[in-house]
Amino acid sequence: LGEVLATAVLAFPLAALIGALPGLWFIATLVYTQAMIRAW
């Protein structure tokens, strides 16, 4: 399973990047918000 998933990501990197955008947005928002209030 791990080999197949890794190969799928390497074969279709653009699709993986588009799929990762919501997660990236969530993480970026979290980091930015906590940086503004200077608390974690």
ModelCIF file with pLDDT and N, C-alpha, C, O atoms, coordinates in Angstrom:
data_MODEL
#
_entry.id   MODEL 
#
_entity.id                         1 
_entity.type                       polymer 
_entity.pdbx_number_of_molecules   1 
#
_entity_poly.entity_id                      1 
_entity_poly.type                           'polypeptide(L)' 
_entity_poly.nstd_linkage                   no 
_entity_poly.nstd_monomer                   no 
_entity_poly.pdbx_seq_one_letter_code       LGEVLATAVLAFPLAALIGALPGLWFIATLVYTQAMIRAW 
_entity_poly.pdbx_seq_one_letter_code_can   LGEVLATAVLAFPLAALIGALPGLWFIATLVYTQAMIRAW 
_entity_poly.pdbx_strand_id                 A 
#
loop_
_entity_poly_seq.entity_id 
_entity_poly_seq.num 
_entity_poly_seq.mon_id 
_entity_poly_seq.hetero 
1 1  LEU n 
1 2  GLY n 
1 3  GLU n 
1 4  VAL n 
1 5  LEU n 
1 6  ALA n 
1 7  THR n 
1 8  ALA n 
1 9  VAL n 
1 10 LEU n 
1 11 ALA n 
1 12 PHE n 
1 13 PRO n 
1 14 LEU n 
1 15 ALA n 
1 16 ALA n 
1 17 LEU n 
1 18 ILE n 
1 19 GLY n 
1 20 ALA n 
1 21 LEU n 
1 22 PRO n 
1 23 GLY n 
1 24 LEU n 
1 25 TRP n 
1 26 PHE n 
1 27 ILE n 
1 28 ALA n 
1 29 THR n 
1 30 LEU n 
1 31 VAL n 
1 32 TYR n 
1 33 THR n 
1 34 GLN n 
1 35 ALA n 
1 36 MET n 
1 37 ILE n 
1 38 ARG n 
1 39 ALA n 
1 40 TRP n 
#
_struct_asym.id          A 
_struct_asym.entity_id   1 
#
loop_
_ma_qa_metric.id 
_ma_qa_metric.mode 
_ma_qa_metric.name 
_ma_qa_metric.software_group_id 
_ma_qa_metric.type 
1 global pLDDT . pLDDT 
2 local  pLDDT . pLDDT 
#
_ma_qa_metric_global.metric_id      1 
_ma_qa_metric_global.metric_value   83.38 
_ma_qa_metric_global.model_id       1 
_ma_qa_metric_global.ordinal_id     1 
#
loop_
_ma_qa_metric_local.label_asym_id 
_ma_qa_metric_local.label_comp_id 
_ma_qa_metric_local.label_seq_id 
_ma_qa_metric_local.metric_id 
_ma_qa_metric_local.metric_value 
_ma_qa_metric_local.model_id 
_ma_qa_metric_local.ordinal_id 
A LEU 1  2 81.00 1 1  
A GLY 2  2 83.00 1 2  
A GLU 3  2 86.00 1 3  
A VAL 4  2 86.00 1 4  
A LEU 5  2 88.00 1 5  
A ALA 6  2 88.00 1 6  
A THR 7  2 89.00 1 7  
A ALA 8  2 90.00 1 8  
A VAL 9  2 90.00 1 9  
A LEU 10 2 89.00 1 10 
A ALA 11 2 89.00 1 11 
A PHE 12 2 90.00 1 12 
A PRO 13 2 90.00 1 13 
A LEU 14 2 92.00 1 14 
A ALA 15 2 90.00 1 15 
A ALA 16 2 89.00 1 16 
A LEU 17 2 91.00 1 17 
A ILE 18 2 90.00 1 18 
A GLY 19 2 88.00 1 19 
A ALA 20 2 86.00 1 20 
A LEU 21 2 89.00 1 21 
A PRO 22 2 87.00 1 22 
A GLY 23 2 83.00 1 23 
A LEU 24 2 85.00 1 24 
A TRP 25 2 85.00 1 25 
A PHE 26 2 81.00 1 26 
A ILE 27 2 80.00 1 27 
A ALA 28 2 82.00 1 28 
A THR 29 2 83.00 1 29 
A LEU 30 2 75.00 1 30 
A VAL 31 2 78.00 1 31 
A TYR 32 2 75.00 1 32 
A THR 33 2 79.00 1 33 
A GLN 34 2 73.00 1 34 
A ALA 35 2 75.00 1 35 
A MET 36 2 76.00 1 36 
A ILE 37 2 75.00 1 37 
A ARG 38 2 70.00 1 38 
A ALA 39 2 69.00 1 39 
A TRP 40 2 70.00 1 40 
#
loop_
_atom_site.group_PDB 
_atom_site.id 
_atom_site.type_symbol 
_atom_site.label_atom_id 
_atom_site.label_alt_id 
_atom_site.label_comp_id 
_atom_site.label_asym_id 
_atom_site.label_entity_id 
_atom_site.label_seq_id 
_atom_site.pdbx_PDB_ins_code 
_atom_site.Cartn_x 
_atom_site.Cartn_y 
_atom_site.Cartn_z 
_atom_site.occupancy 
_atom_site.B_iso_or_equiv 
_atom_site.pdbx_formal_charge 
_atom_site.auth_seq_id 
_atom_site.auth_comp_id 
_atom_site.auth_asym_id 
_atom_site.auth_atom_id 
_atom_site.pdbx_PDB_model_num 
ATOM 1   N N  . LEU A 1 1  ? 0.818  -1.207 0.000   1.00 81.00 ? 1  LEU A N  1 
ATOM 2   C CA . LEU A 1 1  ? 0.000  0.000  0.000   1.00 81.00 ? 1  LEU A CA 1 
ATOM 3   C C  . LEU A 1 1  ? 0.853  1.260  0.000   1.00 81.00 ? 1  LEU A C  1 
ATOM 4   O O  . LEU A 1 1  ? 0.592  2.186  -0.769  1.00 81.00 ? 1  LEU A O  1 
ATOM 5   N N  . GLY A 1 2  ? 1.874  1.305  0.857   1.00 83.00 ? 2  GLY A N  1 
ATOM 6   C CA . GLY A 1 2  ? 2.712  2.502  0.919   1.00 83.00 ? 2  GLY A CA 1 
ATOM 7   C C  . GLY A 1 2  ? 3.422  2.762  -0.396  1.00 83.00 ? 2  GLY A C  1 
ATOM 8   O O  . GLY A 1 2  ? 3.509  3.909  -0.833  1.00 83.00 ? 2  GLY A O  1 
ATOM 9   N N  . GLU A 1 3  ? 3.935  1.711  -1.037  1.00 86.00 ? 3  GLU A N  1 
ATOM 10  C CA . GLU A 1 3  ? 4.633  1.881  -2.310  1.00 86.00 ? 3  GLU A CA 1 
ATOM 11  C C  . GLU A 1 3  ? 3.682  2.393  -3.389  1.00 86.00 ? 3  GLU A C  1 
ATOM 12  O O  . GLU A 1 3  ? 4.046  3.259  -4.185  1.00 86.00 ? 3  GLU A O  1 
ATOM 13  N N  . VAL A 1 4  ? 2.472  1.858  -3.413  1.00 86.00 ? 4  VAL A N  1 
ATOM 14  C CA . VAL A 1 4  ? 1.506  2.287  -4.427  1.00 86.00 ? 4  VAL A CA 1 
ATOM 15  C C  . VAL A 1 4  ? 1.112  3.742  -4.215  1.00 86.00 ? 4  VAL A C  1 
ATOM 16  O O  . VAL A 1 4  ? 1.039  4.507  -5.177  1.00 86.00 ? 4  VAL A O  1 
ATOM 17  N N  . LEU A 1 5  ? 0.856  4.139  -2.960  1.00 88.00 ? 5  LEU A N  1 
ATOM 18  C CA . LEU A 1 5  ? 0.473  5.524  -2.684  1.00 88.00 ? 5  LEU A CA 1 
ATOM 19  C C  . LEU A 1 5  ? 1.613  6.485  -3.022  1.00 88.00 ? 5  LEU A C  1 
ATOM 20  O O  . LEU A 1 5  ? 1.381  7.545  -3.604  1.00 88.00 ? 5  LEU A O  1 
ATOM 21  N N  . ALA A 1 6  ? 2.843  6.117  -2.659  1.00 88.00 ? 6  ALA A N  1 
ATOM 22  C CA . ALA A 1 6  ? 3.982  6.982  -2.962  1.00 88.00 ? 6  ALA A CA 1 
ATOM 23  C C  . ALA A 1 6  ? 4.173  7.120  -4.469  1.00 88.00 ? 6  ALA A C  1 
ATOM 24  O O  . ALA A 1 6  ? 4.474  8.207  -4.963  1.00 88.00 ? 6  ALA A O  1 
ATOM 25  N N  . THR A 1 7  ? 3.998  6.018  -5.197  1.00 89.00 ? 7  THR A N  1 
ATOM 26  C CA . THR A 1 7  ? 4.143  6.073  -6.654  1.00 89.00 ? 7  THR A CA 1 
ATOM 27  C C  . THR A 1 7  ? 3.046  6.924  -7.276  1.00 89.00 ? 7  THR A C  1 
ATOM 28  O O  . THR A 1 7  ? 3.292  7.655  -8.236  1.00 89.00 ? 7  THR A O  1 
ATOM 29  N N  . ALA A 1 8  ? 1.828  6.831  -6.728  1.00 90.00 ? 8  ALA A N  1 
ATOM 30  C CA . ALA A 1 8  ? 0.724  7.646  -7.256  1.00 90.00 ? 8  ALA A CA 1 
ATOM 31  C C  . ALA A 1 8  ? 1.011  9.132  -7.067  1.00 90.00 ? 8  ALA A C  1 
ATOM 32  O O  . ALA A 1 8  ? 0.725  9.932  -7.958  1.00 90.00 ? 8  ALA A O  1 
ATOM 33  N N  . VAL A 1 9  ? 1.574  9.516  -5.913  1.00 90.00 ? 9  VAL A N  1 
ATOM 34  C CA . VAL A 1 9  ? 1.893  10.926 -5.668  1.00 90.00 ? 9  VAL A CA 1 
ATOM 35  C C  . VAL A 1 9  ? 2.989  11.396 -6.614  1.00 90.00 ? 9  VAL A C  1 
ATOM 36  O O  . VAL A 1 9  ? 2.911  12.493 -7.167  1.00 90.00 ? 9  VAL A O  1 
ATOM 37  N N  . LEU A 1 10 ? 4.017  10.558 -6.801  1.00 89.00 ? 10 LEU A N  1 
ATOM 38  C CA . LEU A 1 10 ? 5.104  10.940 -7.701  1.00 89.00 ? 10 LEU A CA 1 
ATOM 39  C C  . LEU A 1 10 ? 4.648  10.985 -9.156  1.00 89.00 ? 10 LEU A C  1 
ATOM 40  O O  . LEU A 1 10 ? 5.151  11.786 -9.944  1.00 89.00 ? 10 LEU A O  1 
ATOM 41  N N  . ALA A 1 11 ? 3.703  10.130 -9.508  1.00 89.00 ? 11 ALA A N  1 
ATOM 42  C CA . ALA A 1 11 ? 3.222  10.105 -10.889 1.00 89.00 ? 11 ALA A CA 1 
ATOM 43  C C  . ALA A 1 11 ? 2.255  11.248 -11.172 1.00 89.00 ? 11 ALA A C  1 
ATOM 44  O O  . ALA A 1 11 ? 2.171  11.720 -12.306 1.00 89.00 ? 11 ALA A O  1 
ATOM 45  N N  . PHE A 1 12 ? 1.528  11.697 -10.156 1.00 90.00 ? 12 PHE A N  1 
ATOM 46  C CA . PHE A 1 12 ? 0.541  12.766 -10.339 1.00 90.00 ? 12 PHE A CA 1 
ATOM 47  C C  . PHE A 1 12 ? 0.771  13.847 -9.276  1.00 90.00 ? 12 PHE A C  1 
ATOM 48  O O  . PHE A 1 12 ? -0.084 14.041 -8.413  1.00 90.00 ? 12 PHE A O  1 
ATOM 49  N N  . PRO A 1 13 ? 1.903  14.553 -9.321  1.00 90.00 ? 13 PRO A N  1 
ATOM 50  C CA . PRO A 1 13 ? 2.226  15.530 -8.271  1.00 90.00 ? 13 PRO A CA 1 
ATOM 51  C C  . PRO A 1 13 ? 1.275  16.721 -8.255  1.00 90.00 ? 13 PRO A C  1 
ATOM 52  O O  . PRO A 1 13 ? 0.964  17.247 -7.187  1.00 90.00 ? 13 PRO A O  1 
ATOM 53  N N  . LEU A 1 14 ? 0.810  17.150 -9.424  1.00 92.00 ? 14 LEU A N  1 
ATOM 54  C CA . LEU A 1 14 ? -0.093 18.298 -9.454  1.00 92.00 ? 14 LEU A CA 1 
ATOM 55  C C  . LEU A 1 14 ? -1.400 17.979 -8.759  1.00 92.00 ? 14 LEU A C  1 
ATOM 56  O O  . LEU A 1 14 ? -1.917 18.802 -8.005  1.00 92.00 ? 14 LEU A O  1 
ATOM 57  N N  . ALA A 1 15 ? -1.942 16.794 -9.001  1.00 90.00 ? 15 ALA A N  1 
ATOM 58  C CA . ALA A 1 15 ? -3.177 16.394 -8.335  1.00 90.00 ? 15 ALA A CA 1 
ATOM 59  C C  . ALA A 1 15 ? -2.967 16.326 -6.826  1.00 90.00 ? 15 ALA A C  1 
ATOM 60  O O  . ALA A 1 15 ? -3.831 16.748 -6.057  1.00 90.00 ? 15 ALA A O  1 
ATOM 61  N N  . ALA A 1 16 ? -1.812 15.791 -6.398  1.00 89.00 ? 16 ALA A N  1 
ATOM 62  C CA . ALA A 1 16 ? -1.528 15.726 -4.965  1.00 89.00 ? 16 ALA A CA 1 
ATOM 63  C C  . ALA A 1 16 ? -1.422 17.128 -4.365  1.00 89.00 ? 16 ALA A C  1 
ATOM 64  O O  . ALA A 1 16 ? -1.889 17.364 -3.251  1.00 89.00 ? 16 ALA A O  1 
ATOM 65  N N  . LEU A 1 17 ? -0.813 18.054 -5.100  1.00 91.00 ? 17 LEU A N  1 
ATOM 66  C CA . LEU A 1 17 ? -0.681 19.415 -4.591  1.00 91.00 ? 17 LEU A CA 1 
ATOM 67  C C  . LEU A 1 17 ? -2.036 20.086 -4.466  1.00 91.00 ? 17 LEU A C  1 
ATOM 68  O O  . LEU A 1 17 ? -2.312 20.752 -3.468  1.00 91.00 ? 17 LEU A O  1 
ATOM 69  N N  . ILE A 1 18 ? -2.889 19.914 -5.480  1.00 90.00 ? 18 ILE A N  1 
ATOM 70  C CA . ILE A 1 18 ? -4.230 20.503 -5.412  1.00 90.00 ? 18 ILE A CA 1 
ATOM 71  C C  . ILE A 1 18 ? -5.009 19.911 -4.244  1.00 90.00 ? 18 ILE A C  1 
ATOM 72  O O  . ILE A 1 18 ? -5.706 20.630 -3.529  1.00 90.00 ? 18 ILE A O  1 
ATOM 73  N N  . GLY A 1 19 ? -4.888 18.596 -4.053  1.00 88.00 ? 19 GLY A N  1 
ATOM 74  C CA . GLY A 1 19 ? -5.576 17.972 -2.932  1.00 88.00 ? 19 GLY A CA 1 
ATOM 75  C C  . GLY A 1 19 ? -5.061 18.446 -1.592  1.00 88.00 ? 19 GLY A C  1 
ATOM 76  O O  . GLY A 1 19 ? -5.806 18.497 -0.613  1.00 88.00 ? 19 GLY A O  1 
ATOM 77  N N  . ALA A 1 20 ? -3.785 18.792 -1.550  1.00 86.00 ? 20 ALA A N  1 
ATOM 78  C CA . ALA A 1 20 ? -3.200 19.220 -0.282  1.00 86.00 ? 20 ALA A CA 1 
ATOM 79  C C  . ALA A 1 20 ? -3.531 20.662 0.070   1.00 86.00 ? 20 ALA A C  1 
ATOM 80  O O  . ALA A 1 20 ? -3.281 21.078 1.201   1.00 86.00 ? 20 ALA A O  1 
ATOM 81  N N  . LEU A 1 21 ? -4.086 21.443 -0.857  1.00 89.00 ? 21 LEU A N  1 
ATOM 82  C CA . LEU A 1 21 ? -4.320 22.870 -0.601  1.00 89.00 ? 21 LEU A CA 1 
ATOM 83  C C  . LEU A 1 21 ? -5.193 23.139 0.621   1.00 89.00 ? 21 LEU A C  1 
ATOM 84  O O  . LEU A 1 21 ? -4.844 24.005 1.423   1.00 89.00 ? 21 LEU A O  1 
ATOM 85  N N  . PRO A 1 22 ? -6.329 22.428 0.802   1.00 87.00 ? 22 PRO A N  1 
ATOM 86  C CA . PRO A 1 22 ? -7.108 22.706 2.023   1.00 87.00 ? 22 PRO A CA 1 
ATOM 87  C C  . PRO A 1 22 ? -6.297 22.487 3.295   1.00 87.00 ? 22 PRO A C  1 
ATOM 88  O O  . PRO A 1 22 ? -6.405 23.274 4.235   1.00 87.00 ? 22 PRO A O  1 
ATOM 89  N N  . GLY A 1 23 ? -5.492 21.439 3.340   1.00 83.00 ? 23 GLY A N  1 
ATOM 90  C CA . GLY A 1 23 ? -4.664 21.200 4.517   1.00 83.00 ? 23 GLY A CA 1 
ATOM 91  C C  . GLY A 1 23 ? -3.614 22.282 4.695   1.00 83.00 ? 23 GLY A C  1 
ATOM 92  O O  . GLY A 1 23 ? -3.347 22.715 5.816   1.00 83.00 ? 23 GLY A O  1 
ATOM 93  N N  . LEU A 1 24 ? -3.014 22.723 3.583   1.00 85.00 ? 24 LEU A N  1 
ATOM 94  C CA . LEU A 1 24 ? -2.034 23.802 3.669   1.00 85.00 ? 24 LEU A CA 1 
ATOM 95  C C  . LEU A 1 24 ? -2.687 25.086 4.165   1.00 85.00 ? 24 LEU A C  1 
ATOM 96  O O  . LEU A 1 24 ? -2.123 25.798 4.997   1.00 85.00 ? 24 LEU A O  1 
ATOM 97  N N  . TRP A 1 25 ? -3.884 25.378 3.647   1.00 85.00 ? 25 TRP A N  1 
ATOM 98  C CA . TRP A 1 25 ? -4.594 26.591 4.085   1.00 85.00 ? 25 TRP A CA 1 
ATOM 99  C C  . TRP A 1 25 ? -4.889 26.516 5.575   1.00 85.00 ? 25 TRP A C  1 
ATOM 100 O O  . TRP A 1 25 ? -4.699 27.497 6.294   1.00 85.00 ? 25 TRP A O  1 
ATOM 101 N N  . PHE A 1 26 ? -5.354 25.359 6.047   1.00 81.00 ? 26 PHE A N  1 
ATOM 102 C CA . PHE A 1 26 ? -5.683 25.192 7.460   1.00 81.00 ? 26 PHE A CA 1 
ATOM 103 C C  . PHE A 1 26 ? -4.436 25.413 8.323   1.00 81.00 ? 26 PHE A C  1 
ATOM 104 O O  . PHE A 1 26 ? -4.495 26.120 9.328   1.00 81.00 ? 26 PHE A O  1 
ATOM 105 N N  . ILE A 1 27 ? -3.312 24.811 7.932   1.00 80.00 ? 27 ILE A N  1 
ATOM 106 C CA . ILE A 1 27 ? -2.084 24.942 8.722   1.00 80.00 ? 27 ILE A CA 1 
ATOM 107 C C  . ILE A 1 27 ? -1.575 26.379 8.682   1.00 80.00 ? 27 ILE A C  1 
ATOM 108 O O  . ILE A 1 27 ? -1.161 26.925 9.705   1.00 80.00 ? 27 ILE A O  1 
ATOM 109 N N  . ALA A 1 28 ? -1.605 26.987 7.500   1.00 82.00 ? 28 ALA A N  1 
ATOM 110 C CA . ALA A 1 28 ? -1.123 28.365 7.381   1.00 82.00 ? 28 ALA A CA 1 
ATOM 111 C C  . ALA A 1 28 ? -1.967 29.305 8.224   1.00 82.00 ? 28 ALA A C  1 
ATOM 112 O O  . ALA A 1 28 ? -1.436 30.187 8.899   1.00 82.00 ? 28 ALA A O  1 
ATOM 113 N N  . THR A 1 29 ? -3.289 29.118 8.187   1.00 83.00 ? 29 THR A N  1 
ATOM 114 C CA . THR A 1 29 ? -4.174 29.967 8.997   1.00 83.00 ? 29 THR A CA 1 
ATOM 115 C C  . THR A 1 29 ? -3.893 29.789 10.475  1.00 83.00 ? 29 THR A C  1 
ATOM 116 O O  . THR A 1 29 ? -3.837 30.768 11.219  1.00 83.00 ? 29 THR A O  1 
ATOM 117 N N  . LEU A 1 30 ? -3.720 28.575 10.900  1.00 75.00 ? 30 LEU A N  1 
ATOM 118 C CA . LEU A 1 30 ? -3.443 28.288 12.306  1.00 75.00 ? 30 LEU A CA 1 
ATOM 119 C C  . LEU A 1 30 ? -2.147 28.965 12.741  1.00 75.00 ? 30 LEU A C  1 
ATOM 120 O O  . LEU A 1 30 ? -2.109 29.622 13.781  1.00 75.00 ? 30 LEU A O  1 
ATOM 121 N N  . VAL A 1 31 ? -1.090 28.807 11.954  1.00 78.00 ? 31 VAL A N  1 
ATOM 122 C CA . VAL A 1 31 ? 0.207  29.383 12.321  1.00 78.00 ? 31 VAL A CA 1 
ATOM 123 C C  . VAL A 1 31 ? 0.124  30.909 12.345  1.00 78.00 ? 31 VAL A C  1 
ATOM 124 O O  . VAL A 1 31 ? 0.645  31.558 13.252  1.00 78.00 ? 31 VAL A O  1 
ATOM 125 N N  . TYR A 1 32 ? -0.557 31.483 11.308  1.00 75.00 ? 32 TYR A N  1 
ATOM 126 C CA . TYR A 1 32 ? -0.661 32.940 11.254  1.00 75.00 ? 32 TYR A CA 1 
ATOM 127 C C  . TYR A 1 32 ? -1.446 33.474 12.445  1.00 75.00 ? 32 TYR A C  1 
ATOM 128 O O  . TYR A 1 32 ? -1.046 34.465 13.058  1.00 75.00 ? 32 TYR A O  1 
ATOM 129 N N  . THR A 1 33 ? -2.552 32.830 12.776  1.00 79.00 ? 33 THR A N  1 
ATOM 130 C CA . THR A 1 33 ? -3.383 33.305 13.881  1.00 79.00 ? 33 THR A CA 1 
ATOM 131 C C  . THR A 1 33 ? -2.617 33.262 15.195  1.00 79.00 ? 33 THR A C  1 
ATOM 132 O O  . THR A 1 33 ? -2.644 34.220 15.967  1.00 79.00 ? 33 THR A O  1 
ATOM 133 N N  . GLN A 1 34 ? -1.951 32.176 15.440  1.00 73.00 ? 34 GLN A N  1 
ATOM 134 C CA . GLN A 1 34 ? -1.222 32.054 16.695  1.00 73.00 ? 34 GLN A CA 1 
ATOM 135 C C  . GLN A 1 34 ? -0.013 32.984 16.738  1.00 73.00 ? 34 GLN A C  1 
ATOM 136 O O  . GLN A 1 34 ? 0.395  33.423 17.813  1.00 73.00 ? 34 GLN A O  1 
ATOM 137 N N  . ALA A 1 35 ? 0.549  33.280 15.597  1.00 75.00 ? 35 ALA A N  1 
ATOM 138 C CA . ALA A 1 35 ? 1.666  34.223 15.565  1.00 75.00 ? 35 ALA A CA 1 
ATOM 139 C C  . ALA A 1 35 ? 1.195  35.629 15.900  1.00 75.00 ? 35 ALA A C  1 
ATOM 140 O O  . ALA A 1 35 ? 1.904  36.397 16.549  1.00 75.00 ? 35 ALA A O  1 
ATOM 141 N N  . MET A 1 36 ? -0.033 35.960 15.440  1.00 76.00 ? 36 MET A N  1 
ATOM 142 C CA . MET A 1 36 ? -0.562 37.297 15.715  1.00 76.00 ? 36 MET A CA 1 
ATOM 143 C C  . MET A 1 36 ? -0.815 37.492 17.196  1.00 76.00 ? 36 MET A C  1 
ATOM 144 O O  . MET A 1 36 ? -0.579 38.575 17.732  1.00 76.00 ? 36 MET A O  1 
ATOM 145 N N  . ILE A 1 37 ? -1.294 36.451 17.859  1.00 75.00 ? 37 ILE A N  1 
ATOM 146 C CA . ILE A 1 37 ? -1.596 36.598 19.287  1.00 75.00 ? 37 ILE A CA 1 
ATOM 147 C C  . ILE A 1 37 ? -0.404 36.191 20.163  1.00 75.00 ? 37 ILE A C  1 
ATOM 148 O O  . ILE A 1 37 ? -0.444 36.289 21.390  1.00 75.00 ? 37 ILE A O  1 
ATOM 149 N N  . ARG A 1 38 ? 0.642  35.738 19.499  1.00 70.00 ? 38 ARG A N  1 
ATOM 150 C CA . ARG A 1 38 ? 1.879  35.380 20.187  1.00 70.00 ? 38 ARG A CA 1 
ATOM 151 C C  . ARG A 1 38 ? 1.653  34.394 21.328  1.00 70.00 ? 38 ARG A C  1 
ATOM 152 O O  . ARG A 1 38 ? 2.153  34.545 22.442  1.00 70.00 ? 38 ARG A O  1 
ATOM 153 N N  . ALA A 1 39 ? 0.870  33.379 20.982  1.00 69.00 ? 39 ALA A N  1 
ATOM 154 C CA . ALA A 1 39 ? 0.611  32.320 21.965  1.00 69.00 ? 39 ALA A CA 1 
ATOM 155 C C  . ALA A 1 39 ? 0.452  31.001 21.206  1.00 69.00 ? 39 ALA A C  1 
ATOM 156 O O  . ALA A 1 39 ? 0.024  30.964 20.052  1.00 69.00 ? 39 ALA A O  1 
ATOM 157 N N  . TRP A 1 40 ? 0.815  29.918 21.906  1.00 70.00 ? 40 TRP A N  1 
ATOM 158 C CA . TRP A 1 40 ? 0.686  28.583 21.259  1.00 70.00 ? 40 TRP A CA 1 
ATOM 159 C C  . TRP A 1 40 ? 0.250  27.584 22.335  1.00 70.00 ? 40 TRP A C  1 
ATOM 160 O O  . TRP A 1 40 ? 0.074  26.401 22.044  1.00 70.00 ? 40 TRP A O  1 
#
